[in-house]
């Protein structure tokens, strides 16, 4: 599965399209032949190491060598753990320790990790092509991503070669038609799993991948690429589109053929306005936790309408082929359609479990019997319901809920009405502890908005008293994390300052 749907298509592109562009990095084009040589010289350097371990650390710079390192690692049968050079060194070292990393590939001019054996990939000399993959079981890892953990210890999510192969197979079965003429955006950090789709899709079809340097403002640089290079395919977070919203009247991107919105919920109003800027693009809302390998459900937006939504958020649609989705109650029992509960996902894309964390695995995975067959499901922590036609409606994170005066509150409902009243501006509702230790609600509004008293009064006409925010705060911009999602934790911390 991995060789067929991951390695073979890329190696086929290298062979067939050697003289075509594979990457544009900082205004410099690199051919598929350049990629082949870079993979080969890095692979040769790995082979020279006495003991590299099964997981190789990868410093995620924005350059050809970093992407080539991924394929060199895969060809050898190993996996990679991305280490962001701009993340705190202490956090990166926790990842190195957890994954027992003994070798790091680093294209930096000066090695980032001086205490770990490092191959400086940029200075290697190419000698001969070496692109024949080693035979390795699909049970072996492809990569391991470390997400934030509640204890302060990064939480490892291992993705097997089989997981990734199943994802790529299911992704192409959605119906995307990408070829060597396409120009594709890669705007996600390599520490975030959507990056895998963003470089695998173009490289699998001989297309060119356009990347964003770490030191650039992501949304403005991405727009520059989309406009200047007439990109045809791109995945992005809705937050990035939000940043472009003030310029929608000036934006015209007729060359974009496919646009995937992912990483967070997509506001239907925003998608409607954005669709006018990309009049020839098919727009998809893709959903998927890291534990389910990039994406596991999708919904195709209909520019003529109607579109399914809940609380103003576009449906996340139906499962990809090979994925099973159910909604369960607090006792892990599957509940009937049109009833809210926790979305649970099963299938060949699901991780085997958190890295060396049996306690977390016990609470995050559950066996459920369907039609006489027992399946292992991942509990996503997302509050959803499945409608009578099998489409999934997203209602927010279970941990975004709060109890106010004994009532359970969904922030998504507050955001829905606030967004309407604020003429479609981006809004975020959060629960926070007041000085007495009780929960209150704060509403943040992004952009030019002045009449917060009026907004509060209007919300009182729409919502029960216990759902009315005690604070409404206007901000020029919302803080984003490295994955392009709105960072709610920073917003909550700002309330205490």
Protein backbone atom coordinates (compact mmCIF):
# COMPACT_ATOMS: atom_id res chain seq x y z
CA UNK A 1 0.00 0.00 0.00
CA UNK A 2 2.79 2.46 0.96
CA UNK A 3 4.98 1.71 -2.04
CA UNK A 4 2.01 1.66 -4.42
CA UNK A 5 0.32 4.88 -3.31
CA UNK A 6 3.19 6.86 -1.78
CA UNK A 7 6.63 5.98 -3.15
CA UNK A 8 5.82 4.60 -6.62
CA UNK A 9 3.91 7.69 -7.85
CA UNK A 10 6.69 10.03 -6.74
CA UNK A 11 9.43 7.86 -8.23
CA UNK A 12 7.35 7.72 -11.40
CA UNK A 13 7.24 11.51 -11.52
CA UNK A 14 11.01 11.69 -11.05
CA UNK A 15 11.52 9.30 -13.94
CA UNK A 16 8.93 10.80 -16.31
CA UNK A 17 9.24 14.51 -15.53
CA UNK A 18 12.93 14.86 -14.67
CA UNK A 19 13.26 18.14 -16.57
CA UNK A 20 10.13 19.73 -15.09
CA UNK A 21 9.91 21.85 -11.96
CA UNK A 22 9.31 19.97 -8.72
CA UNK A 23 9.59 22.87 -6.24
CA UNK A 24 9.67 26.62 -6.05
CA UNK A 25 11.46 27.66 -2.85
CA UNK A 26 12.24 31.34 -2.20
CA UNK A 27 11.88 32.23 -5.89
CA UNK A 28 14.23 29.41 -6.97
CA UNK A 29 12.97 26.50 -9.05
CA UNK A 30 14.24 22.94 -8.56
CA UNK A 31 13.71 20.22 -11.14
CA UNK A 32 12.64 16.65 -10.48
CA UNK A 33 16.18 15.69 -11.43
CA UNK A 34 17.45 17.97 -8.64
CA UNK A 35 15.09 16.25 -6.22
CA UNK A 36 16.34 12.83 -7.35
CA UNK A 37 19.97 13.77 -6.80
CA UNK A 38 19.24 15.31 -3.40
CA UNK A 39 17.33 12.21 -2.27
CA UNK A 40 20.16 9.96 -3.44
CA UNK A 41 22.99 11.82 -1.72
CA UNK A 42 21.05 12.07 1.55
CA UNK A 43 20.12 8.39 1.37
CA UNK A 44 23.78 7.50 0.86
CA UNK A 45 24.71 9.50 3.95
CA UNK A 46 22.10 7.62 6.01
CA UNK A 47 23.50 4.31 4.82
CA UNK A 48 26.95 5.33 6.04
CA UNK A 49 25.74 5.72 9.64
CA UNK A 50 26.48 2.78 11.91
CA UNK A 51 23.25 3.10 13.86
CA UNK A 52 20.57 5.59 12.87
CA UNK A 53 17.62 4.10 14.75
CA UNK A 54 14.19 3.58 13.23
CA UNK A 55 13.06 7.18 13.73
CA UNK A 56 15.27 9.89 12.25
CA UNK A 57 14.93 13.48 13.37
CA UNK A 58 14.33 16.00 10.60
CA UNK A 59 14.93 19.73 11.05
CA UNK A 60 12.10 21.23 9.01
CA UNK A 61 13.72 24.01 7.04
CA UNK A 62 12.10 25.36 3.91
CA UNK A 63 14.45 23.96 1.27
CA UNK A 64 14.86 21.15 -1.22
CA UNK A 65 17.09 19.11 1.10
CA UNK A 66 14.41 18.90 3.79
CA UNK A 67 11.80 17.49 1.40
CA UNK A 68 14.38 15.19 -0.19
CA UNK A 69 15.28 13.92 3.28
CA UNK A 70 11.73 12.65 3.78
CA UNK A 71 11.96 10.43 0.72
CA UNK A 72 15.51 9.32 1.51
CA UNK A 73 14.27 8.22 4.92
CA UNK A 74 11.27 6.41 3.42
CA UNK A 75 13.33 4.67 0.74
CA UNK A 76 15.58 3.27 3.47
CA UNK A 77 12.51 1.99 5.36
CA UNK A 78 12.80 4.44 8.25
CA UNK A 79 10.44 7.11 9.58
CA UNK A 80 10.91 10.77 10.41
CA UNK A 81 10.05 12.98 13.35
CA UNK A 82 9.89 16.67 12.34
CA UNK A 83 11.75 19.16 14.55
CA UNK A 84 10.86 22.78 13.89
CA UNK A 85 13.96 25.02 14.09
CA UNK A 86 11.90 27.88 15.52
CA UNK A 87 10.25 25.86 18.27
CA UNK A 88 11.77 26.01 21.78
CA UNK A 89 14.90 23.87 21.98
CA UNK A 90 13.71 22.29 25.23
CA UNK A 91 10.50 21.10 23.57
CA UNK A 92 12.41 19.68 20.62
CA UNK A 93 14.72 17.83 22.97
CA UNK A 94 11.70 16.24 24.68
CA UNK A 95 10.71 14.91 21.26
CA UNK A 96 14.26 13.65 20.63
CA UNK A 97 14.21 11.83 23.97
CA UNK A 98 10.73 10.32 23.55
CA UNK A 99 11.38 9.07 20.03
CA UNK A 100 14.88 7.87 20.98
CA UNK A 101 16.31 9.78 18.03
CA UNK A 102 19.99 9.00 17.44
CA UNK A 103 20.41 10.68 14.05
CA UNK A 104 19.18 14.04 12.77
CA UNK A 105 19.12 15.34 9.19
CA UNK A 106 19.62 19.10 9.14
CA UNK A 107 20.04 21.42 6.16
CA UNK A 108 20.88 24.42 8.36
CA UNK A 109 24.24 26.12 7.88
CA UNK A 110 24.97 25.44 11.56
CA UNK A 111 23.54 22.29 13.19
CA UNK A 112 20.56 23.02 15.45
CA UNK A 113 21.18 19.99 17.71
CA UNK A 114 24.84 19.90 18.64
CA UNK A 115 24.52 17.02 21.14
CA UNK A 116 22.97 14.58 18.64
CA UNK A 117 24.70 12.95 15.67
CA UNK A 118 23.75 15.14 12.71
CA UNK A 119 24.08 14.86 8.94
CA UNK A 120 24.27 18.31 7.37
CA UNK A 121 22.33 17.52 4.23
CA UNK A 122 23.04 20.71 2.30
CA UNK A 123 26.78 20.07 1.94
CA UNK A 124 26.60 16.49 0.70
CA UNK A 125 28.09 15.47 -2.63
CA UNK A 126 25.98 13.64 -5.20
CA UNK A 127 27.61 10.51 -6.66
CA UNK A 128 24.93 8.28 -8.15
CA UNK A 129 21.17 7.83 -8.22
CA UNK A 130 19.86 5.50 -5.52
CA UNK A 131 16.08 5.40 -5.72
CA UNK A 132 15.16 1.72 -5.32
CA UNK A 133 13.10 1.35 -2.12
CA UNK A 134 13.95 -1.22 0.52
CA UNK A 135 11.19 -3.74 1.14
CA UNK A 136 9.60 -2.85 4.49
CA UNK A 137 6.28 -3.87 6.06
CA UNK A 138 3.39 -1.42 5.96
CA UNK A 139 3.25 -1.83 9.73
CA UNK A 140 6.49 0.15 10.01
CA UNK A 141 6.22 3.87 10.72
CA UNK A 142 6.20 6.57 8.04
CA UNK A 143 6.39 9.50 10.47
CA UNK A 144 5.59 10.50 14.01
CA UNK A 145 4.14 13.91 14.86
CA UNK A 146 4.23 15.36 18.33
CA UNK A 147 1.25 17.49 19.32
CA UNK A 148 0.74 19.44 22.53
CA UNK A 149 0.05 17.39 25.63
CA UNK A 150 -1.88 18.46 28.73
CA UNK A 151 1.02 17.45 30.99
CA UNK A 152 3.51 19.65 29.15
CA UNK A 153 5.05 16.58 27.52
CA UNK A 154 4.56 16.50 23.72
CA UNK A 155 2.18 13.72 22.67
CA UNK A 156 3.46 11.43 19.90
CA UNK A 157 1.15 10.29 17.11
CA UNK A 158 2.83 7.55 15.03
CA UNK A 159 1.52 7.09 11.49
CA UNK A 160 2.41 3.83 9.79
CA UNK A 161 3.28 3.32 6.17
CA UNK A 162 -0.04 1.51 5.81
CA UNK A 163 -1.93 4.43 7.36
CA UNK A 164 -0.39 6.86 4.87
CA UNK A 165 -0.90 4.52 1.92
CA UNK A 166 -4.56 4.12 2.81
CA UNK A 167 -4.95 7.88 3.04
CA UNK A 168 -3.37 8.59 -0.33
CA UNK A 169 -5.52 5.92 -1.99
CA UNK A 170 -8.69 7.35 -0.45
CA UNK A 171 -7.69 10.93 -1.28
CA UNK A 172 -7.33 10.24 -4.99
CA UNK A 173 -10.64 8.39 -4.98
CA UNK A 174 -12.38 11.69 -4.15
CA UNK A 175 -11.79 12.55 -7.80
CA UNK A 176 -9.04 15.18 -7.97
CA UNK A 177 -7.49 15.44 -11.44
CA UNK A 178 -3.95 16.72 -10.97
CA UNK A 179 -1.28 16.52 -13.67
CA UNK A 180 2.20 17.81 -14.50
CA UNK A 181 0.82 21.21 -15.52
CA UNK A 182 -0.55 21.97 -12.05
CA UNK A 183 1.01 24.40 -9.60
CA UNK A 184 0.29 23.53 -5.97
CA UNK A 185 0.51 25.49 -2.71
CA UNK A 186 2.30 24.03 0.34
CA UNK A 187 1.67 26.48 3.17
CA UNK A 188 1.78 24.17 6.21
CA UNK A 189 4.69 23.53 8.55
CA UNK A 190 6.13 20.04 8.22
CA UNK A 191 5.27 19.52 11.89
CA UNK A 192 1.59 19.50 10.82
CA UNK A 193 0.16 16.56 8.92
CA UNK A 194 -1.64 18.55 6.18
CA UNK A 195 1.86 19.30 4.89
CA UNK A 196 2.11 15.64 3.85
CA UNK A 197 -0.89 15.99 1.53
CA UNK A 198 0.40 19.34 0.30
CA UNK A 199 3.67 17.96 -1.05
CA UNK A 200 2.57 14.39 -1.83
CA UNK A 201 -0.24 15.42 -4.18
CA UNK A 202 1.90 17.45 -6.61
CA UNK A 203 4.91 15.14 -6.42
CA UNK A 204 2.69 12.13 -7.17
CA UNK A 205 1.54 13.71 -10.44
CA UNK A 206 4.63 15.53 -11.72
CA UNK A 207 3.30 18.93 -10.66
CA UNK A 208 5.24 21.74 -8.95
CA UNK A 209 5.08 22.49 -5.21
CA UNK A 210 5.28 26.13 -4.07
CA UNK A 211 6.42 26.58 -0.47
CA UNK A 212 6.39 29.39 2.10
CA UNK A 213 9.57 30.35 4.03
CA UNK A 214 9.41 30.42 7.84
CA UNK A 215 10.35 34.09 8.00
CA UNK A 216 7.46 35.32 5.83
CA UNK A 217 3.93 36.37 6.78
CA UNK A 218 2.12 33.24 5.75
CA UNK A 219 -1.18 34.57 4.42
CA UNK A 220 0.31 37.43 2.39
CA UNK A 221 3.09 35.25 0.95
CA UNK A 222 0.55 32.56 0.05
CA UNK A 223 -1.62 35.09 -1.75
CA UNK A 224 1.45 36.34 -3.62
CA UNK A 225 2.15 32.80 -4.81
CA UNK A 226 -1.48 32.20 -5.78
CA UNK A 227 -1.64 35.41 -7.82
CA UNK A 228 1.86 35.69 -9.29
CA UNK A 229 2.32 32.03 -10.22
CA UNK A 230 -1.34 31.32 -11.03
CA UNK A 231 -1.53 28.34 -8.69
CA UNK A 232 -4.13 25.72 -9.50
CA UNK A 233 -4.37 23.63 -6.32
CA UNK A 234 -4.07 24.54 -2.66
CA UNK A 235 -5.06 23.53 0.84
CA UNK A 236 -5.29 26.22 3.51
CA UNK A 237 -6.81 26.90 6.90
CA UNK A 238 -9.94 29.11 7.02
CA UNK A 239 -7.97 31.44 9.30
CA UNK A 240 -5.69 32.24 6.36
CA UNK A 241 -8.73 33.09 4.23
CA UNK A 242 -9.99 35.27 7.09
CA UNK A 243 -6.81 37.32 6.92
CA UNK A 244 -7.45 37.91 3.22
CA UNK A 245 -11.11 38.89 3.76
CA UNK A 246 -10.52 42.69 3.81
CA UNK A 247 -9.12 42.38 0.27
CA UNK A 248 -11.78 40.10 -1.23
CA UNK A 249 -13.08 42.80 -3.59
CA UNK A 250 -9.61 43.07 -5.15
CA UNK A 251 -8.80 39.35 -5.28
CA UNK A 252 -9.37 37.44 -8.51
CA UNK A 253 -7.77 34.01 -8.85
CA UNK A 254 -9.38 32.39 -11.90
CA UNK A 255 -6.58 29.81 -12.33
CA UNK A 256 -7.24 28.02 -9.03
CA UNK A 257 -8.99 24.74 -9.87
CA UNK A 258 -9.16 23.09 -6.44
CA UNK A 259 -9.21 24.66 -2.99
CA UNK A 260 -9.25 22.59 0.19
CA UNK A 261 -10.23 24.28 3.45
CA UNK A 262 -9.01 22.32 6.45
CA UNK A 263 -7.50 22.33 9.97
CA UNK A 264 -10.51 24.07 11.56
CA UNK A 265 -14.22 24.63 10.98
CA UNK A 266 -15.20 26.60 7.87
CA UNK A 267 -17.79 29.36 8.25
CA UNK A 268 -20.29 29.08 5.40
CA UNK A 269 -20.52 32.86 5.02
CA UNK A 270 -16.76 33.15 4.62
CA UNK A 271 -16.69 30.33 2.07
CA UNK A 272 -19.46 32.01 0.04
CA UNK A 273 -17.51 35.27 -0.16
CA UNK A 274 -14.20 33.50 -0.84
CA UNK A 275 -15.77 31.47 -3.66
CA UNK A 276 -16.30 34.72 -5.61
CA UNK A 277 -12.51 35.27 -5.53
CA UNK A 278 -11.84 31.79 -6.94
CA UNK A 279 -14.70 31.48 -9.46
CA UNK A 280 -13.36 28.40 -11.26
CA UNK A 281 -12.32 26.38 -8.22
CA UNK A 282 -13.97 23.35 -6.69
CA UNK A 283 -14.01 24.01 -2.93
CA UNK A 284 -13.83 21.20 -0.38
CA UNK A 285 -14.12 21.20 3.39
CA UNK A 286 -11.82 18.42 4.64
CA UNK A 287 -11.76 17.22 8.25
CA UNK A 288 -9.35 14.96 10.05
CA UNK A 289 -7.46 14.68 13.31
CA UNK A 290 -3.75 13.79 13.18
CA UNK A 291 -4.65 10.38 14.61
CA UNK A 292 -6.65 9.57 11.45
CA UNK A 293 -3.86 10.50 8.98
CA UNK A 294 -4.45 13.96 7.52
CA UNK A 295 -8.13 13.80 6.45
CA UNK A 296 -10.92 11.31 7.03
CA UNK A 297 -14.11 13.12 5.88
CA UNK A 298 -14.92 15.71 3.22
CA UNK A 299 -17.74 17.90 1.89
CA UNK A 300 -17.85 19.54 -1.52
CA UNK A 301 -19.14 23.11 -1.45
CA UNK A 302 -21.93 23.94 -3.92
CA UNK A 303 -21.53 27.55 -5.16
CA UNK A 304 -25.15 27.55 -6.35
CA UNK A 305 -26.34 26.21 -2.99
CA UNK A 306 -27.80 24.95 -0.85
CA UNK A 307 -25.01 23.76 1.43
CA UNK A 308 -25.37 21.86 4.66
CA UNK A 309 -24.33 23.72 7.78
CA UNK A 310 -24.76 23.83 11.53
CA UNK A 311 -24.41 27.05 13.50
CA UNK A 312 -23.13 28.65 10.32
CA UNK A 313 -20.32 26.11 9.90
CA UNK A 314 -20.08 24.04 6.72
CA UNK A 315 -20.70 20.32 7.05
CA UNK A 316 -17.60 18.11 7.21
CA UNK A 317 -19.42 15.67 4.96
CA UNK A 318 -19.02 11.94 4.59
CA UNK A 319 -16.10 9.60 5.36
CA UNK A 320 -13.39 8.88 2.81
CA UNK A 321 -13.41 5.39 1.32
CA UNK A 322 -12.18 2.92 3.92
CA UNK A 323 -13.15 5.15 6.86
CA UNK A 324 -16.05 4.43 9.24
CA UNK A 325 -17.62 7.27 11.23
CA UNK A 326 -20.11 6.96 14.10
CA UNK A 327 -21.39 9.25 16.84
CA UNK A 328 -21.45 7.91 20.38
CA UNK A 329 -22.82 8.90 23.77
CA UNK A 330 -20.80 9.21 27.00
CA UNK A 331 -20.90 5.42 27.41
CA UNK A 332 -19.40 4.81 23.93
CA UNK A 333 -22.71 3.56 22.56
CA UNK A 334 -23.56 4.45 18.96
CA UNK A 335 -26.51 6.81 18.87
CA UNK A 336 -29.08 7.38 16.13
CA UNK A 337 -28.68 9.96 13.38
CA UNK A 338 -29.56 13.60 14.15
CA UNK A 339 -28.42 13.21 17.77
CA UNK A 340 -25.28 14.91 19.02
CA UNK A 341 -22.40 13.03 20.52
CA UNK A 342 -18.71 12.37 20.09
CA UNK A 343 -17.48 11.61 16.59
CA UNK A 344 -15.50 8.36 16.46
CA UNK A 345 -13.44 7.19 13.48
CA UNK A 346 -12.24 3.71 12.43
CA UNK A 347 -10.43 2.24 9.45
CA UNK A 348 -7.01 1.71 7.93
CA UNK A 349 -5.95 5.34 8.43
CA UNK A 350 -6.16 5.23 12.25
CA UNK A 351 -2.92 5.33 14.24
CA UNK A 352 -1.98 2.28 16.29
CA UNK A 353 -1.99 4.49 19.40
CA UNK A 354 -0.09 7.26 21.11
CA UNK A 355 3.65 6.78 21.37
CA UNK A 356 4.58 5.06 24.65
CA UNK A 357 1.40 6.32 26.31
CA UNK A 358 -0.82 3.37 27.33
CA UNK A 359 -2.86 5.50 29.71
CA UNK A 360 -3.88 7.93 26.98
CA UNK A 361 -4.61 5.05 24.64
CA UNK A 362 -7.11 3.57 27.11
CA UNK A 363 -9.17 6.76 27.09
CA UNK A 364 -8.80 7.66 23.40
CA UNK A 365 -9.57 4.38 21.63
CA UNK A 366 -12.56 2.10 22.03
CA UNK A 367 -13.83 -1.10 20.42
CA UNK A 368 -17.36 -0.90 19.05
CA UNK A 369 -19.33 -3.67 17.38
CA UNK A 370 -21.12 -2.83 14.12
CA UNK A 371 -23.13 -5.45 12.26
CA UNK A 372 -21.44 -8.25 14.17
CA UNK A 373 -17.89 -6.96 13.52
CA UNK A 374 -15.74 -5.28 16.17
CA UNK A 375 -13.84 -2.18 15.08
CA UNK A 376 -11.26 -0.10 16.90
CA UNK A 377 -12.39 3.53 16.93
CA UNK A 378 -10.52 6.72 17.73
CA UNK A 379 -12.52 9.09 19.94
CA UNK A 380 -11.98 12.49 18.27
CA UNK A 381 -13.26 14.71 21.07
CA UNK A 382 -15.41 16.54 18.50
CA UNK A 383 -19.10 17.13 19.12
CA UNK A 384 -21.06 16.18 15.98
CA UNK A 385 -24.18 14.61 14.62
CA UNK A 386 -24.81 12.64 11.44
CA UNK A 387 -27.89 13.70 9.49
CA UNK A 388 -30.35 11.38 7.78
CA UNK A 389 -28.31 11.49 4.54
CA UNK A 390 -25.06 10.51 6.26
CA UNK A 391 -23.42 13.94 6.29
CA UNK A 392 -21.61 14.95 9.47
CA UNK A 393 -22.33 18.29 11.14
CA UNK A 394 -19.58 19.71 13.31
CA UNK A 395 -20.64 21.43 16.52
CA UNK A 396 -17.28 22.19 18.15
CA UNK A 397 -14.84 20.56 20.51
CA UNK A 398 -16.21 18.77 23.53
CA UNK A 399 -13.59 20.59 25.60
CA UNK A 400 -14.80 23.97 24.23
CA UNK A 401 -18.05 23.41 26.08
CA UNK A 402 -18.59 25.02 29.46
CA UNK A 403 -21.14 24.93 32.25
CA UNK A 404 -22.57 28.33 33.10
CA UNK A 405 -24.96 28.35 36.07
CA UNK A 406 -25.49 24.62 35.52
CA UNK A 407 -26.26 24.92 31.81
CA UNK A 408 -23.97 23.24 29.27
CA UNK A 409 -22.96 25.79 26.63
CA UNK A 410 -21.67 25.22 23.10
CA UNK A 411 -19.42 28.08 21.99
CA UNK A 412 -20.35 27.41 18.37
CA UNK A 413 -23.91 28.62 18.92
CA UNK A 414 -22.73 31.90 20.42
CA UNK A 415 -20.24 32.36 17.57
CA UNK A 416 -22.96 31.69 15.00
CA UNK A 417 -25.18 34.57 16.12
CA UNK A 418 -22.28 36.92 16.85
CA UNK A 419 -20.87 36.31 13.36
CA UNK A 420 -24.23 37.17 11.79
CA UNK A 421 -24.62 40.35 13.83
CA UNK A 422 -21.04 41.44 13.11
CA UNK A 423 -21.62 41.20 9.34
CA UNK A 424 -19.56 38.08 8.89
CA UNK A 425 -16.48 39.18 10.81
CA UNK A 426 -14.46 36.39 12.40
CA UNK A 427 -15.45 35.73 16.02
CA UNK A 428 -14.27 33.39 18.76
CA UNK A 429 -16.10 32.61 21.99
CA UNK A 430 -14.11 31.15 24.89
CA UNK A 431 -14.86 30.13 28.45
CA UNK A 432 -12.58 31.48 31.17
CA UNK A 433 -12.37 31.36 34.95
CA UNK A 434 -13.21 34.58 36.76
CA UNK A 435 -11.71 35.68 40.08
CA UNK A 436 -14.17 33.51 42.00
CA UNK A 437 -13.32 30.38 39.97
CA UNK A 438 -16.59 30.32 38.05
CA UNK A 439 -16.86 30.07 34.26
CA UNK A 440 -17.69 33.12 32.19
CA UNK A 441 -17.79 33.66 28.44
CA UNK A 442 -15.69 36.13 26.49
CA UNK A 443 -16.34 36.95 22.85
CA UNK A 444 -13.53 38.16 20.59
CA UNK A 445 -14.37 39.98 17.35
CA UNK A 446 -11.73 40.47 14.65
CA UNK A 447 -11.55 43.62 12.57
CA UNK A 448 -13.22 47.01 12.46
CA UNK A 449 -16.07 46.80 14.92
CA UNK A 450 -16.87 49.40 17.55
CA UNK A 451 -20.35 48.96 19.00
CA UNK A 452 -19.82 46.13 21.48
CA UNK A 453 -22.72 47.33 23.66
CA UNK A 454 -25.08 47.04 20.69
CA UNK A 455 -23.77 43.55 19.95
CA UNK A 456 -24.37 42.48 23.54
CA UNK A 457 -27.93 43.82 23.42
CA UNK A 458 -28.64 42.03 20.14
CA UNK A 459 -27.27 38.76 21.48
CA UNK A 460 -29.72 39.03 24.38
CA UNK A 461 -32.51 38.86 21.77
CA UNK A 462 -31.07 35.67 20.29
CA UNK A 463 -29.66 33.70 23.24
CA UNK A 464 -30.70 32.82 26.80
CA UNK A 465 -29.19 35.01 29.53
CA UNK A 466 -26.61 32.43 30.63
CA UNK A 467 -25.06 32.37 27.13
CA UNK A 468 -24.44 36.12 26.91
CA UNK A 469 -20.71 36.96 26.95
CA UNK A 470 -19.62 38.98 29.97
CA UNK A 471 -16.81 40.47 27.87
CA UNK A 472 -16.74 41.45 24.20
CA UNK A 473 -13.26 42.34 22.96
CA UNK A 474 -12.30 43.67 19.52
CA UNK A 475 -8.89 42.69 18.14
CA UNK A 476 -7.16 43.71 14.93
CA UNK A 477 -5.94 40.16 14.38
CA UNK A 478 -6.38 36.78 16.01
CA UNK A 479 -3.24 34.92 17.11
CA UNK A 480 -2.51 31.82 15.07
CA UNK A 481 -0.49 28.78 16.05
CA UNK A 482 2.13 27.27 13.74
CA UNK A 483 -0.57 25.22 12.00
CA UNK A 484 -2.56 28.28 10.98
CA UNK A 485 -5.36 27.69 13.49
CA UNK A 486 -6.70 30.37 15.82
CA UNK A 487 -4.86 29.99 19.12
CA UNK A 488 -7.63 30.06 21.71
CA UNK A 489 -5.19 29.58 24.58
CA UNK A 490 -3.48 32.89 23.81
CA UNK A 491 -6.86 34.61 23.67
CA UNK A 492 -7.80 33.18 27.06
CA UNK A 493 -4.43 34.21 28.54
CA UNK A 494 -4.97 37.76 27.29
CA UNK A 495 -8.04 38.01 29.53
CA UNK A 496 -5.84 37.64 32.61
CA UNK A 497 -3.45 40.45 31.68
